[in-house]
Structure formats: C-alpha cells, structure tokens
Amino acid sequence: MMTPDQLKQRILGLLDEIKAKDVLCIDVKEKTSVTDYMIIASGTSSRHLNSIAEHVALETKREGESALGVEGKGSAEWVLLDHGCVITHVMLPEAREFYDLERLWQPLAPGVSEPAADGEEL
C-alpha cells in the first residue's frame, strides 16, 4: 500500500505519461478531512478526458491502489477519481475555468483574507 505522498507522485506520473495538460496538485490537508491532495488536470477532448481517467484508474488498480469511486466517466466535461487520500479531477478547459477549483482550494496569498459570508472582508 502506498503512502499518500507516493500515491500522489504515482498519479502525477501517470497523468504525465498520457499527456494531461495543466496539471496542478494542491495539498488540502489543512482545509478538509476528506482527502490529503487534490489533483486537477485538463484533457484536450472528451475522448482524451476519458482516456486519462481510464489510464489512471487501471494503472493504480494494477498496483493495488484501486479508486474508491469514479464519477462522470463517459461524461463530456469532468471525471473525478477518488483514491481516498488523493482526489483527481480531469476536466475540459471550459469546465475547469467555469468551476475554478484552483481558486476554491489553493491557499490564500499572504496578507489576503477570505471574504465573510456577506461579502465583507473579515
């Protein structure tokens, strides 16, 4: 069984092998108890998106790290692979821009505060 860091590195390697675009890995351990790492990658087409997800799912399964779930396979714009400690989002660029997961999960820049619920700064 791989550690979260080893699994993260393996998935990043698999994404590189299949030519995923704009790969980003975010450490979210301090923001959620759901997962340790969130990986976001883009595919160039729906076919590429599904090929990326299938490659990651098959290779990690072959190595004893089966995904707990795969959502959106066959969809046109977003596939999610849940490996527990690593969640991988593979999206078309348009969906990635629309949902903007990077902004949601990345740490804030130093000196920047999160907005309060009513839009006022804390």
C-alpha atoms as a PDB file:
ATOM      1  CA  MET A   1       0.000   0.000   0.000  1.00  0.00           C
ATOM      2  CA  MET A   2       1.338   3.414  -0.985  1.00  0.00           C
ATOM      3  CA  THR A   3       1.553   6.388   1.332  1.00  0.00           C
ATOM      4  CA  PRO A   4      -0.483   9.453   0.314  1.00  0.00           C
ATOM      5  CA  ASP A   5       2.701  11.128  -0.965  1.00  0.00           C
ATOM      6  CA  GLN A   6       3.684   8.054  -3.015  1.00  0.00           C
ATOM      7  CA  LEU A   7       0.190   7.763  -4.496  1.00  0.00           C
ATOM      8  CA  LYS A   8       0.184  11.468  -5.344  1.00  0.00           C
ATOM      9  CA  GLN A   9       3.525  11.108  -7.129  1.00  0.00           C
ATOM     10  CA  ARG A  10       2.366   7.988  -8.980  1.00  0.00           C
ATOM     11  CA  ILE A  11      -0.816   9.678 -10.212  1.00  0.00           C
ATOM     12  CA  LEU A  12       1.159  12.750 -11.303  1.00  0.00           C
ATOM     13  CA  GLY A  13       3.467  10.433 -13.255  1.00  0.00           C
ATOM     14  CA  LEU A  14       0.527   8.661 -14.892  1.00  0.00           C
ATOM     15  CA  LEU A  15      -1.006  11.991 -15.887  1.00  0.00           C
ATOM     16  CA  ASP A  16       2.286  12.989 -17.480  1.00  0.00           C
ATOM     17  CA  GLU A  17       2.503   9.667 -19.352  1.00  0.00           C
ATOM     18  CA  ILE A  18      -0.847  10.221 -21.040  1.00  0.00           C
ATOM     19  CA  LYS A  19      -0.198  13.903 -21.780  1.00  0.00           C
ATOM     20  CA  ALA A  20      -2.701  15.512 -19.399  1.00  0.00           C
ATOM     21  CA  LYS A  21      -2.495  19.312 -19.639  1.00  0.00           C
ATOM     22  CA  ASP A  22      -2.033  21.987 -16.958  1.00  0.00           C
ATOM     23  CA  VAL A  23      -1.640  19.534 -14.077  1.00  0.00           C
ATOM     24  CA  LEU A  24      -1.878  21.090 -10.625  1.00  0.00           C
ATOM     25  CA  CYS A  25      -1.556  19.351  -7.250  1.00  0.00           C
ATOM     26  CA  ILE A  26      -2.923  21.097  -4.166  1.00  0.00           C
ATOM     27  CA  ASP A  27      -2.205  19.995  -0.596  1.00  0.00           C
ATOM     28  CA  VAL A  28      -5.600  20.316   1.138  1.00  0.00           C
ATOM     29  CA  LYS A  29      -4.800  18.547   4.430  1.00  0.00           C
ATOM     30  CA  GLU A  30      -5.290  21.786   6.368  1.00  0.00           C
ATOM     31  CA  LYS A  31      -8.590  22.621   4.626  1.00  0.00           C
ATOM     32  CA  THR A  32     -10.518  19.336   4.744  1.00  0.00           C
ATOM     33  CA  SER A  33     -10.517  15.907   6.336  1.00  0.00           C
ATOM     34  CA  VAL A  34     -11.881  14.337   3.138  1.00  0.00           C
ATOM     35  CA  THR A  35      -8.527  13.995   1.345  1.00  0.00           C
ATOM     36  CA  ASP A  36      -4.865  14.971   1.548  1.00  0.00           C
ATOM     37  CA  TYR A  37      -4.263  16.027  -2.048  1.00  0.00           C
ATOM     38  CA  MET A  38      -6.409  17.335  -4.855  1.00  0.00           C
ATOM     39  CA  ILE A  39      -5.028  16.969  -8.358  1.00  0.00           C
ATOM     40  CA  ILE A  40      -6.593  18.939 -11.201  1.00  0.00           C
ATOM     41  CA  ALA A  41      -5.725  18.243 -14.839  1.00  0.00           C
ATOM     42  CA  SER A  42      -7.143  19.099 -18.237  1.00  0.00           C
ATOM     43  CA  GLY A  43      -7.817  16.963 -21.271  1.00  0.00           C
ATOM     44  CA  THR A  44      -7.944  18.228 -24.842  1.00  0.00           C
ATOM     45  CA  SER A  45     -11.231  16.485 -25.748  1.00  0.00           C
ATOM     46  CA  SER A  46     -13.892  14.235 -24.219  1.00  0.00           C
ATOM     47  CA  ARG A  47     -12.041  11.216 -25.591  1.00  0.00           C
ATOM     48  CA  HIS A  48      -8.745  12.403 -24.070  1.00  0.00           C
ATOM     49  CA  LEU A  49     -10.526  13.093 -20.767  1.00  0.00           C
ATOM     50  CA  ASN A  50     -11.849   9.539 -20.588  1.00  0.00           C
ATOM     51  CA  SER A  51      -8.507   8.058 -21.698  1.00  0.00           C
ATOM     52  CA  ILE A  52      -6.725   9.945 -18.911  1.00  0.00           C
ATOM     53  CA  ALA A  53      -9.201   8.735 -16.285  1.00  0.00           C
ATOM     54  CA  GLU A  54      -9.088   5.159 -17.548  1.00  0.00           C
ATOM     55  CA  HIS A  55      -5.268   5.123 -17.614  1.00  0.00           C
ATOM     56  CA  VAL A  56      -5.002   6.401 -14.037  1.00  0.00           C
ATOM     57  CA  ALA A  57      -7.717   4.022 -12.788  1.00  0.00           C
ATOM     58  CA  LEU A  58      -6.257   0.927 -14.497  1.00  0.00           C
ATOM     59  CA  GLU A  59      -2.634   1.562 -13.569  1.00  0.00           C
ATOM     60  CA  THR A  60      -3.355   2.368  -9.928  1.00  0.00           C
ATOM     61  CA  LYS A  61      -5.596  -0.705  -9.685  1.00  0.00           C
ATOM     62  CA  ARG A  62      -2.815  -2.827 -11.199  1.00  0.00           C
ATOM     63  CA  GLU A  63      -0.547  -1.516  -8.436  1.00  0.00           C
ATOM     64  CA  GLY A  64      -3.038  -2.357  -5.663  1.00  0.00           C
ATOM     65  CA  GLU A  65      -4.447   1.159  -5.258  1.00  0.00           C
ATOM     66  CA  SER A  66      -7.940   0.870  -6.731  1.00  0.00           C
ATOM     67  CA  ALA A  67     -10.045   4.009  -6.891  1.00  0.00           C
ATOM     68  CA  LEU A  68     -12.813   4.044  -4.294  1.00  0.00           C
ATOM     69  CA  GLY A  69     -15.031   5.640  -6.923  1.00  0.00           C
ATOM     70  CA  VAL A  70     -15.049   7.150 -10.378  1.00  0.00           C
ATOM     71  CA  GLU A  71     -17.669   9.758 -11.235  1.00  0.00           C
ATOM     72  CA  GLY A  72     -18.503  11.258 -14.618  1.00  0.00           C
ATOM     73  CA  LYS A  73     -16.821   8.609 -16.775  1.00  0.00           C
ATOM     74  CA  GLY A  74     -18.301   8.939 -20.227  1.00  0.00           C
ATOM     75  CA  SER A  75     -19.401  12.496 -19.497  1.00  0.00           C
ATOM     76  CA  ALA A  76     -18.397  15.287 -21.791  1.00  0.00           C
ATOM     77  CA  GLU A  77     -16.502  17.565 -19.422  1.00  0.00           C
ATOM     78  CA  TRP A  78     -15.416  16.254 -15.988  1.00  0.00           C
ATOM     79  CA  VAL A  79     -14.246  12.954 -14.486  1.00  0.00           C
ATOM     80  CA  LEU A  80     -13.404  12.538 -10.797  1.00  0.00           C
ATOM     81  CA  LEU A  81     -11.265   9.688  -9.452  1.00  0.00           C
ATOM     82  CA  ASP A  82     -11.393   9.179  -5.685  1.00  0.00           C
ATOM     83  CA  HIS A  83      -8.413   7.321  -4.246  1.00  0.00           C
ATOM     84  CA  GLY A  84      -9.235   8.402  -0.693  1.00  0.00           C
ATOM     85  CA  CYS A  85      -6.107  10.360   0.161  1.00  0.00           C
ATOM     86  CA  VAL A  86      -5.858  11.716  -3.405  1.00  0.00           C
ATOM     87  CA  ILE A  87      -8.785  13.020  -5.445  1.00  0.00           C
ATOM     88  CA  THR A  88      -8.119  13.642  -9.116  1.00  0.00           C
ATOM     89  CA  HIS A  89     -10.292  15.917 -11.253  1.00  0.00           C
ATOM     90  CA  VAL A  90      -9.832  15.633 -15.022  1.00  0.00           C
ATOM     91  CA  MET A  91     -11.715  18.378 -16.821  1.00  0.00           C
ATOM     92  CA  LEU A  92     -12.090  20.023 -20.177  1.00  0.00           C
ATOM     93  CA  PRO A  93     -10.590  23.538 -20.087  1.00  0.00           C
ATOM     94  CA  GLU A  94     -14.017  25.210 -20.302  1.00  0.00           C
ATOM     95  CA  ALA A  95     -15.355  23.281 -17.289  1.00  0.00           C
ATOM     96  CA  ARG A  96     -12.134  23.857 -15.383  1.00  0.00           C
ATOM     97  CA  GLU A  97     -12.381  27.592 -15.944  1.00  0.00           C
ATOM     98  CA  PHE A  98     -16.079  27.657 -15.026  1.00  0.00           C
ATOM     99  CA  TYR A  99     -15.763  25.681 -11.756  1.00  0.00           C
ATOM    100  CA  ASP A 100     -12.388  27.243 -10.850  1.00  0.00           C
ATOM    101  CA  LEU A 101     -11.409  24.592  -8.284  1.00  0.00           C
ATOM    102  CA  GLU A 102      -7.929  26.098  -8.056  1.00  0.00           C
ATOM    103  CA  ARG A 103      -9.305  29.289  -6.526  1.00  0.00           C
ATOM    104  CA  LEU A 104     -11.517  27.330  -4.158  1.00  0.00           C
ATOM    105  CA  TRP A 105      -8.801  25.044  -2.783  1.00  0.00           C
ATOM    106  CA  GLN A 106      -5.472  26.843  -3.099  1.00  0.00           C
ATOM    107  CA  PRO A 107      -4.128  28.644  -0.047  1.00  0.00           C
ATOM    108  CA  LEU A 108      -4.645  32.382   0.044  1.00  0.00           C
ATOM    109  CA  ALA A 109      -1.717  34.621  -0.738  1.00  0.00           C
ATOM    110  CA  PRO A 110      -0.069  36.175   2.329  1.00  0.00           C
ATOM    111  CA  GLY A 111      -1.988  39.224   3.521  1.00  0.00           C
ATOM    112  CA  VAL A 112      -5.218  38.231   1.724  1.00  0.00           C
ATOM    113  CA  SER A 113      -8.221  37.402   3.885  1.00  0.00           C
ATOM    114  CA  GLU A 114     -11.221  35.292   2.965  1.00  0.00           C
ATOM    115  CA  PRO A 115     -14.437  37.211   2.403  1.00  0.00           C
ATOM    116  CA  ALA A 116     -17.114  36.919   5.072  1.00  0.00           C
ATOM    117  CA  ALA A 117     -20.462  35.367   4.161  1.00  0.00           C
ATOM    118  CA  ASP A 118     -21.971  38.750   3.283  1.00  0.00           C
ATOM    119  CA  GLY A 119     -19.034  39.661   1.002  1.00  0.00           C
ATOM    120  CA  GLU A 120     -17.324  41.914   3.567  1.00  0.00           C
ATOM    121  CA  GLU A 121     -13.709  41.134   4.387  1.00  0.00           C
ATOM    122  CA  LEU A 122     -13.002  39.593   7.776  1.00  0.00           C
END
